[in-house]
């Protein structure tokens, strides 16, 4: 295992969230890559996206089928404005790199929101600390482990 996966597994254990990490050498960096590797619907993939809302890191646990509406997310976070975090900001806030950021177990506790569309699935998959590792969970287990409030922050589809 890698150091990042080990840190994630430790955090899961502390939270009492039993996980089994699956690795895919071809990578699961994007939602589409992960869905292909797992042979599941892209909507079952959790994207752990970090945004800066008035200078504070905020986590948006987003269904792989959706895009984040930044204005909606800013409003949920009580911020005047929000933007996508840079790679350095993601690593500073979470301790993980973009593409492998898990939904919990970060360097510090982040305000988190979970896409309500994820609750339409029995099981979902999220990154486990590296771009080639994932774990299976349920929307409710993920909500509890991440301390995330269910919310509608998806971009409306045209």
Protein backbone atom coordinates (compact mmCIF):
# COMPACT_ATOMS: atom_id res chain seq x y z
CA UNK A 1 0.00 0.00 0.00
CA UNK A 2 1.05 3.59 -0.34
CA UNK A 3 1.46 6.09 2.50
CA UNK A 4 -1.64 7.99 1.31
CA UNK A 5 -3.78 4.84 1.34
CA UNK A 6 -2.45 3.88 4.77
CA UNK A 7 -3.36 7.33 6.13
CA UNK A 8 -6.84 7.02 4.62
CA UNK A 9 -7.32 3.53 6.11
CA UNK A 10 -6.25 4.81 9.55
CA UNK A 11 -8.78 7.64 9.32
CA UNK A 12 -11.53 5.21 8.26
CA UNK A 13 -10.68 2.95 11.20
CA UNK A 14 -10.82 5.87 13.66
CA UNK A 15 -14.27 6.76 12.28
CA UNK A 16 -15.40 3.12 12.56
CA UNK A 17 -15.96 3.03 8.79
CA UNK A 18 -14.82 -0.37 7.55
CA UNK A 19 -13.43 -0.08 4.03
CA UNK A 20 -11.77 -2.36 1.54
CA UNK A 21 -9.49 -0.57 -0.90
CA UNK A 22 -9.43 -1.74 -4.50
CA UNK A 23 -6.59 -0.69 -6.77
CA UNK A 24 -6.61 -0.27 -10.53
CA UNK A 25 -3.17 0.08 -12.15
CA UNK A 26 -4.75 1.80 -15.17
CA UNK A 27 -5.96 4.51 -12.81
CA UNK A 28 -9.29 5.87 -11.62
CA UNK A 29 -8.34 9.54 -11.71
CA UNK A 30 -11.55 10.69 -13.43
CA UNK A 31 -15.13 9.65 -12.74
CA UNK A 32 -15.34 8.10 -16.21
CA UNK A 33 -12.13 6.08 -15.61
CA UNK A 34 -13.46 4.84 -12.26
CA UNK A 35 -16.89 3.90 -13.65
CA UNK A 36 -15.24 1.94 -16.49
CA UNK A 37 -12.89 0.11 -14.11
CA UNK A 38 -15.70 -0.71 -11.66
CA UNK A 39 -18.30 -1.43 -14.35
CA UNK A 40 -20.82 0.84 -12.64
CA UNK A 41 -22.86 3.90 -13.48
CA UNK A 42 -20.86 7.14 -13.56
CA UNK A 43 -23.40 8.57 -11.09
CA UNK A 44 -22.12 6.08 -8.46
CA UNK A 45 -18.66 7.64 -8.49
CA UNK A 46 -18.01 10.24 -5.79
CA UNK A 47 -15.83 13.14 -6.83
CA UNK A 48 -14.22 14.71 -3.72
CA UNK A 49 -13.80 18.28 -4.97
CA UNK A 50 -12.24 21.06 -2.93
CA UNK A 51 -13.29 24.68 -3.40
CA UNK A 52 -12.15 27.88 -1.72
CA UNK A 53 -15.13 29.79 -0.31
CA UNK A 54 -14.08 33.22 0.95
CA UNK A 55 -10.63 31.74 1.54
CA UNK A 56 -11.87 28.63 3.41
CA UNK A 57 -11.52 25.14 1.96
CA UNK A 58 -14.92 23.48 1.39
CA UNK A 59 -15.51 19.91 0.23
CA UNK A 60 -18.16 19.05 -2.35
CA UNK A 61 -18.84 15.29 -2.57
CA UNK A 62 -20.29 15.23 -6.05
CA UNK A 63 -21.88 12.48 -8.13
CA UNK A 64 -19.69 11.61 -11.11
CA UNK A 65 -22.63 12.47 -13.37
CA UNK A 66 -22.83 16.05 -12.09
CA UNK A 67 -20.88 19.29 -12.17
CA UNK A 68 -20.77 21.74 -9.25
CA UNK A 69 -22.60 25.05 -9.56
CA UNK A 70 -20.04 27.26 -7.81
CA UNK A 71 -22.58 29.98 -6.98
CA UNK A 72 -24.87 27.44 -5.26
CA UNK A 73 -21.91 26.01 -3.34
CA UNK A 74 -20.80 29.48 -2.22
CA UNK A 75 -24.31 30.17 -0.93
CA UNK A 76 -24.40 26.85 0.96
CA UNK A 77 -21.03 27.68 2.52
CA UNK A 78 -22.22 31.15 3.52
CA UNK A 79 -19.57 32.74 1.31
CA UNK A 80 -19.70 35.72 -1.01
CA UNK A 81 -17.71 33.83 -3.62
CA UNK A 82 -16.10 30.48 -4.31
CA UNK A 83 -13.64 29.03 -6.77
CA UNK A 84 -12.02 25.70 -7.48
CA UNK A 85 -9.01 25.12 -5.20
CA UNK A 86 -5.57 24.88 -6.78
CA UNK A 87 -3.58 21.65 -6.53
CA UNK A 88 -1.48 23.17 -3.74
CA UNK A 89 -4.59 24.33 -1.85
CA UNK A 90 -6.14 20.85 -2.14
CA UNK A 91 -2.98 19.21 -0.76
CA UNK A 92 -2.72 21.79 2.07
CA UNK A 93 -6.37 21.33 3.09
CA UNK A 94 -6.63 17.56 2.73
CA UNK A 95 -3.13 16.10 2.73
CA UNK A 96 -3.91 14.38 -0.59
CA UNK A 97 -3.36 15.11 -4.27
CA UNK A 98 -6.11 15.93 -6.76
CA UNK A 99 -7.36 12.73 -8.40
CA UNK A 100 -6.93 10.66 -5.25
CA UNK A 101 -8.53 12.90 -2.63
CA UNK A 102 -10.71 10.75 -0.37
CA UNK A 103 -14.00 12.10 1.03
CA UNK A 104 -12.73 12.06 4.65
CA UNK A 105 -9.53 11.59 6.65
CA UNK A 106 -8.11 14.97 5.70
CA UNK A 107 -5.34 16.99 7.32
CA UNK A 108 -8.08 19.11 8.91
CA UNK A 109 -11.87 18.83 9.12
CA UNK A 110 -13.51 20.61 6.19
CA UNK A 111 -17.04 21.92 5.81
CA UNK A 112 -18.56 19.31 3.53
CA UNK A 113 -21.65 18.92 1.38
CA UNK A 114 -22.83 15.72 -0.29
CA UNK A 115 -24.69 15.70 -3.60
CA UNK A 116 -28.24 14.49 -2.93
CA UNK A 117 -28.17 12.58 -6.23
CA UNK A 118 -25.78 10.07 -4.59
CA UNK A 119 -28.64 8.96 -2.33
CA UNK A 120 -30.31 7.41 -5.40
CA UNK A 121 -27.77 4.56 -5.31
CA UNK A 122 -27.39 1.64 -2.91
CA UNK A 123 -23.61 1.68 -3.21
CA UNK A 124 -21.17 4.35 -4.31
CA UNK A 125 -17.42 4.46 -4.89
CA UNK A 126 -14.89 7.09 -3.80
CA UNK A 127 -11.13 7.65 -3.98
CA UNK A 128 -9.06 6.04 -1.23
CA UNK A 129 -6.05 8.36 -1.22
CA UNK A 130 -4.40 7.79 -4.61
CA UNK A 131 -5.46 8.15 -8.27
CA UNK A 132 -5.60 4.34 -8.65
CA UNK A 133 -7.49 3.40 -5.47
CA UNK A 134 -11.18 3.37 -4.56
CA UNK A 135 -13.49 2.02 -1.88
CA UNK A 136 -17.16 1.08 -1.80
CA UNK A 137 -19.58 2.67 0.65
CA UNK A 138 -23.19 3.75 0.95
CA UNK A 139 -24.41 7.33 0.70
CA UNK A 140 -25.46 7.36 4.36
CA UNK A 141 -22.13 5.90 5.57
CA UNK A 142 -20.30 8.49 3.50
CA UNK A 143 -22.46 11.34 4.79
CA UNK A 144 -21.72 10.32 8.37
CA UNK A 145 -17.98 9.71 7.88
CA UNK A 146 -17.46 13.03 6.06
CA UNK A 147 -19.81 15.00 8.31
CA UNK A 148 -21.44 16.24 5.13
CA UNK A 149 -24.82 17.87 4.77
CA UNK A 150 -26.95 16.65 1.83
CA UNK A 151 -27.48 19.53 -0.60
CA UNK A 152 -28.36 20.44 -4.17
CA UNK A 153 -25.33 22.19 -5.63
CA UNK A 154 -25.29 20.60 -9.06
CA UNK A 155 -25.12 22.63 -12.20
CA UNK A 156 -28.41 22.50 -14.09
CA UNK A 157 -28.15 20.45 -17.27
CA UNK A 158 -29.02 22.14 -20.51
